[in-house]
């Protein structure tokens, strides 16, 4: 199962996506969630590139 956890409040928004669909739909649901999440992140990164004095995006990759 894919879990999406969003936290909102006091000018702060965070979104965490974890899990996997376990191939019940041939990976389509997992691919859709991944594509939507990554598109949002890349879009925010582009906004930050255009307005560096107003928006900062930090993307890190954790090692497991």
N, C-alpha and C. Protein backbone atom coordinates (compact mmCIF):
# COMPACT_ATOMS: atom_id res chain seq x y z
N UNK A 1 0.84 -1.18 0.00
CA UNK A 1 0.00 0.00 0.00
C UNK A 1 0.88 1.24 0.00
N UNK A 2 0.44 2.25 -0.70
CA UNK A 2 1.11 3.54 -0.75
C UNK A 2 0.47 4.44 0.31
N UNK A 3 1.31 5.10 1.09
CA UNK A 3 0.82 6.01 2.13
C UNK A 3 1.29 7.42 1.80
N UNK A 4 0.35 8.35 1.78
CA UNK A 4 0.66 9.76 1.59
C UNK A 4 0.27 10.48 2.87
N UNK A 5 1.24 11.13 3.48
CA UNK A 5 0.98 11.86 4.73
C UNK A 5 1.28 13.32 4.48
N UNK A 6 0.28 14.17 4.68
CA UNK A 6 0.46 15.61 4.53
C UNK A 6 0.22 16.27 5.87
N UNK A 7 1.09 17.21 6.19
CA UNK A 7 0.95 17.98 7.43
C UNK A 7 0.86 19.45 7.06
N UNK A 8 -0.16 20.11 7.58
CA UNK A 8 -0.40 21.52 7.27
C UNK A 8 -0.52 22.29 8.57
N UNK A 9 -0.01 23.51 8.58
CA UNK A 9 -0.22 24.36 9.74
C UNK A 9 0.87 25.37 9.94
N UNK A 10 0.51 26.52 10.44
CA UNK A 10 1.43 27.60 10.83
C UNK A 10 2.43 27.93 9.72
N UNK A 11 1.95 28.03 8.49
CA UNK A 11 2.83 28.38 7.38
C UNK A 11 3.74 27.25 6.93
N UNK A 12 3.47 26.04 7.38
CA UNK A 12 4.32 24.90 7.05
C UNK A 12 3.49 23.81 6.39
N UNK A 13 3.99 23.27 5.29
CA UNK A 13 3.36 22.14 4.61
C UNK A 13 4.42 21.10 4.34
N UNK A 14 4.14 19.86 4.70
CA UNK A 14 5.06 18.78 4.35
C UNK A 14 4.26 17.61 3.80
N UNK A 15 4.86 16.92 2.85
CA UNK A 15 4.22 15.75 2.23
C UNK A 15 5.24 14.62 2.23
N UNK A 16 4.82 13.47 2.70
CA UNK A 16 5.67 12.28 2.71
C UNK A 16 4.93 11.15 2.01
N UNK A 17 5.58 10.52 1.05
CA UNK A 17 4.99 9.40 0.31
C UNK A 17 5.86 8.18 0.56
N UNK A 18 5.25 7.11 1.05
CA UNK A 18 5.99 5.88 1.33
C UNK A 18 5.20 4.68 0.84
N UNK A 19 5.88 3.56 0.70
CA UNK A 19 5.21 2.31 0.37
C UNK A 19 5.25 1.98 -1.11
N UNK A 20 4.51 0.96 -1.44
CA UNK A 20 4.45 0.46 -2.81
C UNK A 20 3.12 -0.26 -2.97
N UNK A 21 2.63 -0.35 -4.17
CA UNK A 21 1.32 -0.97 -4.40
C UNK A 21 1.38 -2.49 -4.49
N UNK A 22 2.57 -3.05 -4.46
CA UNK A 22 2.74 -4.51 -4.52
C UNK A 22 2.24 -5.12 -5.81
N UNK A 23 2.32 -4.39 -6.92
CA UNK A 23 2.04 -4.88 -8.27
C UNK A 23 0.61 -5.36 -8.50
N UNK A 24 -0.32 -4.98 -7.66
CA UNK A 24 -1.70 -5.41 -7.86
C UNK A 24 -2.29 -4.82 -9.13
N UNK A 25 -1.82 -3.66 -9.53
CA UNK A 25 -2.30 -3.01 -10.75
C UNK A 25 -1.15 -2.87 -11.75
N UNK A 26 -0.25 -3.83 -11.76
CA UNK A 26 0.89 -3.83 -12.68
C UNK A 26 1.77 -2.58 -12.56
N UNK A 27 1.84 -2.02 -11.37
CA UNK A 27 2.70 -0.86 -11.14
C UNK A 27 2.12 0.47 -11.58
N UNK A 28 0.92 0.47 -12.12
CA UNK A 28 0.34 1.73 -12.64
C UNK A 28 0.06 2.75 -11.55
N UNK A 29 -0.48 2.28 -10.43
CA UNK A 29 -0.82 3.20 -9.35
C UNK A 29 0.45 3.80 -8.76
N UNK A 30 1.44 2.95 -8.53
CA UNK A 30 2.71 3.42 -7.98
C UNK A 30 3.36 4.42 -8.93
N UNK A 31 3.34 4.12 -10.21
CA UNK A 31 3.92 5.03 -11.21
C UNK A 31 3.18 6.36 -11.23
N UNK A 32 1.86 6.32 -11.11
CA UNK A 32 1.06 7.55 -11.12
C UNK A 32 1.38 8.42 -9.91
N UNK A 33 1.43 7.83 -8.74
CA UNK A 33 1.74 8.58 -7.52
C UNK A 33 3.15 9.16 -7.61
N UNK A 34 4.08 8.37 -8.08
CA UNK A 34 5.46 8.83 -8.22
C UNK A 34 5.56 9.98 -9.22
N UNK A 35 4.88 9.85 -10.36
CA UNK A 35 4.93 10.89 -11.38
C UNK A 35 4.34 12.20 -10.87
N UNK A 36 3.22 12.14 -10.18
CA UNK A 36 2.59 13.35 -9.66
C UNK A 36 3.48 14.01 -8.61
N UNK A 37 4.05 13.21 -7.72
CA UNK A 37 4.91 13.74 -6.67
C UNK A 37 6.17 14.38 -7.26
N UNK A 38 6.82 13.69 -8.18
CA UNK A 38 8.05 14.21 -8.77
C UNK A 38 7.78 15.43 -9.65
N UNK A 39 6.65 15.46 -10.34
CA UNK A 39 6.30 16.62 -11.16
C UNK A 39 6.11 17.85 -10.28
N UNK A 40 5.44 17.69 -9.16
CA UNK A 40 5.25 18.82 -8.23
C UNK A 40 6.61 19.32 -7.73
N UNK A 41 7.49 18.40 -7.36
CA UNK A 41 8.80 18.79 -6.85
C UNK A 41 9.63 19.50 -7.92
N UNK A 42 9.64 18.96 -9.13
CA UNK A 42 10.39 19.60 -10.21
C UNK A 42 9.80 20.96 -10.58
N UNK A 43 8.48 21.09 -10.51
CA UNK A 43 7.85 22.39 -10.77
C UNK A 43 8.26 23.42 -9.73
N UNK A 44 8.28 23.02 -8.47
CA UNK A 44 8.72 23.93 -7.41
C UNK A 44 10.19 24.31 -7.59
N UNK A 45 11.00 23.36 -8.03
CA UNK A 45 12.41 23.63 -8.28
C UNK A 45 12.58 24.66 -9.40
N UNK A 46 11.74 24.60 -10.42
CA UNK A 46 11.78 25.57 -11.52
C UNK A 46 11.36 26.97 -11.04
N UNK A 47 10.35 27.02 -10.19
CA UNK A 47 9.92 28.31 -9.63
C UNK A 47 11.06 28.91 -8.81
N UNK A 48 11.74 28.07 -8.03
CA UNK A 48 12.87 28.55 -7.22
C UNK A 48 14.00 29.06 -8.11
N UNK A 49 14.22 28.42 -9.26
CA UNK A 49 15.27 28.87 -10.17
C UNK A 49 14.93 30.24 -10.77
N UNK A 50 13.65 30.49 -11.00
CA UNK A 50 13.22 31.77 -11.57
C UNK A 50 13.18 32.89 -10.53
N UNK A 51 12.93 32.52 -9.29
CA UNK A 51 12.77 33.53 -8.22
C UNK A 51 13.63 33.15 -7.02
N UNK A 52 14.95 33.15 -7.19
CA UNK A 52 15.84 32.68 -6.11
C UNK A 52 15.80 33.53 -4.84
N UNK A 53 15.35 34.77 -4.95
CA UNK A 53 15.25 35.61 -3.75
C UNK A 53 13.97 35.34 -2.97
N UNK A 54 13.04 34.62 -3.60
CA UNK A 54 11.74 34.38 -2.96
C UNK A 54 11.48 32.93 -2.59
N UNK A 55 12.10 32.01 -3.32
CA UNK A 55 11.81 30.58 -3.13
C UNK A 55 13.11 29.80 -3.07
N UNK A 56 13.19 28.91 -2.12
CA UNK A 56 14.35 28.02 -1.99
C UNK A 56 13.85 26.58 -1.94
N UNK A 57 14.42 25.72 -2.76
CA UNK A 57 14.06 24.30 -2.76
C UNK A 57 15.33 23.51 -2.49
N UNK A 58 15.27 22.64 -1.51
CA UNK A 58 16.41 21.79 -1.18
C UNK A 58 15.98 20.34 -1.40
N UNK A 59 16.67 19.66 -2.29
CA UNK A 59 16.39 18.26 -2.59
C UNK A 59 17.58 17.43 -2.14
N UNK A 60 17.34 16.51 -1.23
CA UNK A 60 18.41 15.64 -0.75
C UNK A 60 18.02 14.20 -0.99
N UNK A 61 19.02 13.36 -1.16
CA UNK A 61 18.77 11.93 -1.33
C UNK A 61 19.35 11.22 -0.12
N UNK A 62 18.50 10.47 0.57
CA UNK A 62 18.94 9.75 1.75
C UNK A 62 19.48 8.39 1.35
N UNK A 63 20.55 7.99 1.99
CA UNK A 63 21.11 6.65 1.76
C UNK A 63 20.47 5.70 2.75
N UNK A 64 20.06 4.55 2.25
CA UNK A 64 19.43 3.59 3.16
C UNK A 64 20.36 2.48 3.54
